[in-house]
């Protein structure tokens, strides 16, 4: 008997982003297409084309679904957007101390104190999808997911 889509999504929700512990690829909005029938097919959406974690993520998905012999591939038909991050994903980013992506053209509020008195420090953070900011209120640096 074929698994349900809910069962597969539940297993995919256990696949964590290798760069942000506790944040699943489902919360990041990286599941582009899921087809469940005689086979299980999963199309993943990369957050950045040059992300060094793409192979790791694909292998983790294959491992999580190995009992179904899944077909897992990266898809570029629909571009990933930071708007795909779920509300739960945004909350988890804040818990980890990373600001969710702000609206285009506005600096993100500080995930540490909530102040909006922040300024960019570098467009280049520790990963391709993050940038560095500084909070003038609490005087702490922080990372933010880049809006796309």
Protein backbone atom coordinates (compact mmCIF):
# COMPACT_ATOMS: atom_id res chain seq x y z
CA UNK A 1 0.00 0.00 0.00
CA UNK A 2 1.30 3.43 -0.97
CA UNK A 3 2.02 5.92 1.80
CA UNK A 4 -0.08 9.04 2.12
CA UNK A 5 1.24 12.47 1.23
CA UNK A 6 0.81 13.45 4.90
CA UNK A 7 3.04 10.52 5.96
CA UNK A 8 5.73 11.57 3.49
CA UNK A 9 5.50 15.23 4.56
CA UNK A 10 5.81 14.13 8.19
CA UNK A 11 9.05 12.32 7.35
CA UNK A 12 10.32 15.28 5.33
CA UNK A 13 9.60 17.57 8.29
CA UNK A 14 12.27 15.58 10.16
CA UNK A 15 14.93 16.48 7.57
CA UNK A 16 16.78 19.45 9.04
CA UNK A 17 18.57 22.18 7.17
CA UNK A 18 22.26 21.32 7.70
CA UNK A 19 23.15 24.98 8.26
CA UNK A 20 20.38 25.91 10.72
CA UNK A 21 19.74 23.15 13.27
CA UNK A 22 16.09 22.69 14.21
CA UNK A 23 14.79 24.16 10.96
CA UNK A 24 13.34 21.60 8.57
CA UNK A 25 13.38 21.74 4.81
CA UNK A 26 9.57 21.78 4.99
CA UNK A 27 9.66 24.92 7.19
CA UNK A 28 12.14 26.46 4.74
CA UNK A 29 9.65 25.88 1.91
CA UNK A 30 12.07 23.71 -0.05
CA UNK A 31 9.51 21.08 -1.10
CA UNK A 32 8.52 22.09 -4.60
CA UNK A 33 6.53 19.07 -5.65
CA UNK A 34 5.54 15.86 -3.91
CA UNK A 35 3.95 13.02 -5.83
CA UNK A 36 2.90 9.91 -3.98
CA UNK A 37 1.64 6.89 -5.87
CA UNK A 38 3.35 3.72 -6.98
CA UNK A 39 6.53 5.72 -6.44
CA UNK A 40 7.40 8.66 -4.22
CA UNK A 41 8.82 11.62 -6.10
CA UNK A 42 10.13 14.72 -4.39
CA UNK A 43 11.29 17.85 -6.18
CA UNK A 44 13.36 20.09 -3.95
CA UNK A 45 13.84 23.82 -4.48
CA UNK A 46 17.35 25.13 -3.74
CA UNK A 47 17.48 28.33 -1.71
CA UNK A 48 20.64 29.27 -3.64
CA UNK A 49 22.06 27.57 -6.72
CA UNK A 50 25.57 27.51 -5.31
CA UNK A 51 24.55 26.23 -1.87
CA UNK A 52 27.21 23.74 -0.74
CA UNK A 53 24.60 21.78 1.24
CA UNK A 54 22.54 20.66 -1.77
CA UNK A 55 24.03 17.16 -1.91
CA UNK A 56 23.70 16.75 1.85
CA UNK A 57 20.04 17.75 1.78
CA UNK A 58 19.23 15.42 -1.12
CA UNK A 59 20.95 12.49 0.63
CA UNK A 60 19.08 13.23 3.87
CA UNK A 61 15.76 13.22 2.02
CA UNK A 62 16.64 9.94 0.30
CA UNK A 63 17.61 8.45 3.66
CA UNK A 64 14.43 9.65 5.39
CA UNK A 65 12.30 8.09 2.65
CA UNK A 66 14.49 5.08 1.78
CA UNK A 67 11.74 2.54 2.56
CA UNK A 68 9.75 4.02 -0.36
CA UNK A 69 12.68 4.01 -2.85
CA UNK A 70 12.10 7.70 -3.62
CA UNK A 71 13.09 9.68 -6.66
CA UNK A 72 14.57 12.89 -5.26
CA UNK A 73 15.80 15.67 -7.49
CA UNK A 74 16.48 19.38 -7.47
CA UNK A 75 14.03 21.39 -9.55
CA UNK A 76 14.60 24.79 -11.06
CA UNK A 77 11.16 25.15 -12.66
CA UNK A 78 9.81 27.13 -9.72
CA UNK A 79 12.35 29.39 -8.02
CA UNK A 80 12.56 29.26 -4.25
CA UNK A 81 11.54 32.49 -2.56
CA UNK A 82 12.00 33.59 1.03
CA UNK A 83 8.22 34.01 1.13
CA UNK A 84 8.01 30.19 1.15
CA UNK A 85 9.39 30.04 4.70
CA UNK A 86 6.50 28.98 6.95
CA UNK A 87 5.45 30.96 10.03
CA UNK A 88 6.86 28.11 12.15
CA UNK A 89 10.11 28.37 10.18
CA UNK A 90 10.30 32.11 10.82
CA UNK A 91 9.77 31.50 14.54
CA UNK A 92 12.51 28.85 14.57
CA UNK A 93 14.91 31.26 12.84
CA UNK A 94 14.27 33.82 15.57
CA UNK A 95 14.82 31.19 18.28
CA UNK A 96 18.17 30.39 16.69
CA UNK A 97 19.08 34.09 16.62
CA UNK A 98 18.73 34.59 12.87
CA UNK A 99 16.34 37.24 11.56
CA UNK A 100 13.77 35.99 9.06
CA UNK A 101 13.92 37.73 5.70
CA UNK A 102 12.53 41.27 5.88
CA UNK A 103 10.48 42.96 3.22
CA UNK A 104 12.64 44.05 0.31
CA UNK A 105 14.37 47.35 1.02
CA UNK A 106 13.91 47.31 4.81
CA UNK A 107 16.46 46.12 7.34
CA UNK A 108 15.40 43.18 9.48
CA UNK A 109 14.52 43.70 13.12
CA UNK A 110 17.07 42.38 15.57
CA UNK A 111 16.27 38.77 16.56
CA UNK A 112 17.88 39.37 19.96
CA UNK A 113 16.02 42.48 21.19
CA UNK A 114 13.37 43.14 18.52
CA UNK A 115 14.62 46.63 17.66
CA UNK A 116 14.24 47.84 14.10
CA UNK A 117 17.24 50.16 14.53
CA UNK A 118 19.55 47.88 12.56
CA UNK A 119 22.03 48.36 9.76
CA UNK A 120 23.68 46.06 7.24
CA UNK A 121 27.31 45.16 7.86
CA UNK A 122 27.97 42.74 5.02
CA UNK A 123 25.90 41.21 2.23
CA UNK A 124 27.99 38.10 2.79
CA UNK A 125 27.26 36.00 5.86
CA UNK A 126 28.50 32.56 6.88
CA UNK A 127 26.31 31.00 4.17
CA UNK A 128 25.11 32.25 0.79
CA UNK A 129 21.56 32.79 2.01
CA UNK A 130 22.49 34.96 5.01
CA UNK A 131 23.80 38.52 5.48
CA UNK A 132 25.32 40.23 8.52
CA UNK A 133 23.65 43.10 10.39
CA UNK A 134 24.30 45.19 13.47
CA UNK A 135 21.70 46.32 16.01
CA UNK A 136 22.28 49.86 17.22
CA UNK A 137 19.94 49.28 20.20
CA UNK A 138 21.50 46.21 21.84
CA UNK A 139 24.83 46.65 20.02
CA UNK A 140 24.95 43.06 18.87
CA UNK A 141 25.75 41.66 15.44
CA UNK A 142 23.30 39.19 13.97
CA UNK A 143 22.57 37.23 10.82
CA UNK A 144 19.48 37.55 8.64
CA UNK A 145 18.14 35.42 5.82
CA UNK A 146 18.37 37.39 2.60
CA UNK A 147 15.02 38.23 1.00
CA UNK A 148 14.56 36.72 -2.44
